[in-house]
Each structure stands twice: as C-alpha cells, then as structure tokens.
Amino acid sequence: MAESDLDLEKQLYIEKIIKTINFGSIVITVHNGAITQIDYTEKIRFANTNRK
C-alpha cells in the first residue's frame, strides 16, 4: 500500500490521537486490506499519594 492509499481522514485521525495521548495504545483494524476501525485507549497516571 502506497502512502497516498491511506485515506486522509484516517491519517489525520491517527495523527490527532498520537499528539493528544501521553500513555496508551492505538489499535488499527484492517479488513481486506483497508482500515475499518481505529480504537485507542488512554492510560491516566496519578502521582503516588500514600496517606498514612
């Protein structure tokens, strides 16, 4: 697949996710050679605040 084959809307969406999440994962689902779904999970990390 050439770079131009990637739909601009999908490309921009993936770039947006990469720029906005600090920790997490992106899952790209492909069916018959085409992207059909994009899922992302963002992990939020909290400072260790041990109360005694």
N, C-alpha and C. Protein backbone atom coordinates (compact mmCIF):
# COMPACT_ATOMS: atom_id res chain seq x y z
N MET A 1 0.85 -1.18 0.00
CA MET A 1 0.00 0.00 0.00
C MET A 1 0.89 1.23 0.00
N ALA A 2 0.67 2.11 -0.93
CA ALA A 2 1.42 3.36 -1.01
C ALA A 2 0.88 4.34 0.01
N GLU A 3 1.72 5.29 0.40
CA GLU A 3 1.31 6.28 1.40
C GLU A 3 0.04 7.02 0.97
N SER A 4 -0.12 7.28 -0.32
CA SER A 4 -1.29 8.00 -0.81
C SER A 4 -2.57 7.18 -0.71
N ASP A 5 -2.44 5.85 -0.52
CA ASP A 5 -3.61 4.99 -0.40
C ASP A 5 -4.33 5.17 0.93
N LEU A 6 -3.64 5.71 1.93
CA LEU A 6 -4.25 5.91 3.24
C LEU A 6 -5.17 7.12 3.18
N ASP A 7 -6.44 6.90 3.45
CA ASP A 7 -7.45 7.95 3.42
C ASP A 7 -6.99 9.11 4.32
N LEU A 8 -7.08 10.33 3.83
CA LEU A 8 -6.62 11.50 4.57
C LEU A 8 -7.35 11.63 5.90
N GLU A 9 -8.63 11.35 5.93
CA GLU A 9 -9.40 11.44 7.17
C GLU A 9 -8.84 10.48 8.23
N LYS A 10 -8.52 9.28 7.83
CA LYS A 10 -7.96 8.29 8.76
C LYS A 10 -6.57 8.70 9.21
N GLN A 11 -5.77 9.19 8.28
CA GLN A 11 -4.42 9.63 8.61
C GLN A 11 -4.46 10.77 9.63
N LEU A 12 -5.32 11.75 9.41
CA LEU A 12 -5.42 12.88 10.33
C LEU A 12 -5.93 12.44 11.70
N TYR A 13 -6.85 11.48 11.72
CA TYR A 13 -7.39 10.98 12.98
C TYR A 13 -6.30 10.27 13.78
N ILE A 14 -5.51 9.44 13.13
CA ILE A 14 -4.41 8.74 13.80
C ILE A 14 -3.38 9.73 14.32
N GLU A 15 -3.03 10.72 13.53
CA GLU A 15 -2.08 11.75 13.96
C GLU A 15 -2.60 12.52 15.17
N LYS A 16 -3.90 12.83 15.17
CA LYS A 16 -4.51 13.54 16.30
C LYS A 16 -4.39 12.73 17.59
N ILE A 17 -4.67 11.44 17.49
CA ILE A 17 -4.56 10.58 18.67
C ILE A 17 -3.13 10.57 19.19
N ILE A 18 -2.17 10.38 18.29
CA ILE A 18 -0.76 10.32 18.69
C ILE A 18 -0.34 11.59 19.40
N LYS A 19 -0.82 12.73 18.93
CA LYS A 19 -0.43 14.01 19.52
C LYS A 19 -1.11 14.29 20.85
N THR A 20 -2.27 13.65 21.11
CA THR A 20 -3.03 14.01 22.31
C THR A 20 -2.86 13.04 23.49
N ILE A 21 -2.48 11.79 23.25
CA ILE A 21 -2.35 10.88 24.39
C ILE A 21 -0.90 10.82 24.86
N ASN A 22 -0.73 10.73 26.18
CA ASN A 22 0.61 10.60 26.75
C ASN A 22 0.99 9.15 26.96
N PHE A 23 0.04 8.36 27.43
CA PHE A 23 0.24 6.93 27.65
C PHE A 23 -0.97 6.21 27.08
N GLY A 24 -0.75 5.13 26.36
CA GLY A 24 -1.89 4.38 25.86
C GLY A 24 -1.53 3.56 24.64
N SER A 25 -2.56 3.13 23.95
CA SER A 25 -2.34 2.30 22.76
C SER A 25 -3.36 2.64 21.69
N ILE A 26 -2.95 2.37 20.45
CA ILE A 26 -3.82 2.57 19.30
C ILE A 26 -3.92 1.22 18.58
N VAL A 27 -5.14 0.79 18.31
CA VAL A 27 -5.36 -0.46 17.59
C VAL A 27 -6.04 -0.12 16.26
N ILE A 28 -5.41 -0.53 15.18
CA ILE A 28 -5.96 -0.29 13.85
C ILE A 28 -6.42 -1.64 13.29
N THR A 29 -7.72 -1.74 13.01
CA THR A 29 -8.29 -2.98 12.48
C THR A 29 -8.36 -2.87 10.96
N VAL A 30 -7.85 -3.91 10.29
CA VAL A 30 -7.81 -3.93 8.84
C VAL A 30 -8.65 -5.11 8.34
N HIS A 31 -9.46 -4.88 7.33
CA HIS A 31 -10.27 -5.93 6.71
C HIS A 31 -10.13 -5.81 5.20
N ASN A 32 -9.70 -6.89 4.58
CA ASN A 32 -9.46 -6.90 3.12
C ASN A 32 -8.54 -5.77 2.68
N GLY A 33 -7.52 -5.50 3.47
CA GLY A 33 -6.53 -4.51 3.10
C GLY A 33 -6.90 -3.06 3.35
N ALA A 34 -8.06 -2.82 3.99
CA ALA A 34 -8.50 -1.44 4.27
C ALA A 34 -8.74 -1.27 5.76
N ILE A 35 -8.42 -0.09 6.26
CA ILE A 35 -8.68 0.22 7.66
C ILE A 35 -10.19 0.32 7.86
N THR A 36 -10.70 -0.48 8.78
CA THR A 36 -12.14 -0.46 9.04
C THR A 36 -12.47 0.13 10.41
N GLN A 37 -11.48 0.16 11.31
CA GLN A 37 -11.76 0.64 12.66
C GLN A 37 -10.46 1.10 13.31
N ILE A 38 -10.56 2.15 14.12
CA ILE A 38 -9.43 2.64 14.89
C ILE A 38 -9.90 2.81 16.33
N ASP A 39 -9.25 2.11 17.24
CA ASP A 39 -9.56 2.21 18.67
C ASP A 39 -8.33 2.73 19.40
N TYR A 40 -8.57 3.52 20.42
CA TYR A 40 -7.43 3.90 21.26
C TYR A 40 -7.84 3.89 22.72
N THR A 41 -6.86 3.58 23.54
CA THR A 41 -7.04 3.54 24.98
C THR A 41 -6.02 4.47 25.59
N GLU A 42 -6.48 5.38 26.40
CA GLU A 42 -5.57 6.30 27.08
C GLU A 42 -5.45 5.88 28.53
N LYS A 43 -4.24 5.81 29.00
CA LYS A 43 -3.99 5.49 30.39
C LYS A 43 -3.65 6.77 31.13
N ILE A 44 -4.29 6.94 32.26
CA ILE A 44 -4.04 8.12 33.08
C ILE A 44 -3.18 7.70 34.27
N ARG A 45 -2.09 8.36 34.47
CA ARG A 45 -1.17 8.03 35.57
C ARG A 45 -1.32 9.11 36.64
N PHE A 46 -1.55 8.67 37.87
CA PHE A 46 -1.70 9.58 39.00
C PHE A 46 -0.44 9.51 39.85
N ALA A 47 -0.10 10.63 40.45
CA ALA A 47 1.05 10.67 41.36
C ALA A 47 0.77 9.77 42.55
N ASN A 48 1.81 9.15 43.07
CA ASN A 48 1.67 8.28 44.24
C ASN A 48 1.39 9.14 45.47
N THR A 49 0.18 9.06 45.99
CA THR A 49 -0.22 9.87 47.16
C THR A 49 -0.60 8.93 48.28
N ASN A 50 0.40 8.37 48.93
CA ASN A 50 0.13 7.47 50.06
C ASN A 50 -0.27 8.26 51.29
N ARG A 51 -1.45 7.96 51.80
CA ARG A 51 -1.92 8.62 53.03
C ARG A 51 -1.62 7.70 54.19
N LYS A 52 -1.10 8.29 55.24
CA LYS A 52 -0.80 7.50 56.45
C LYS A 52 -1.72 7.83 57.58
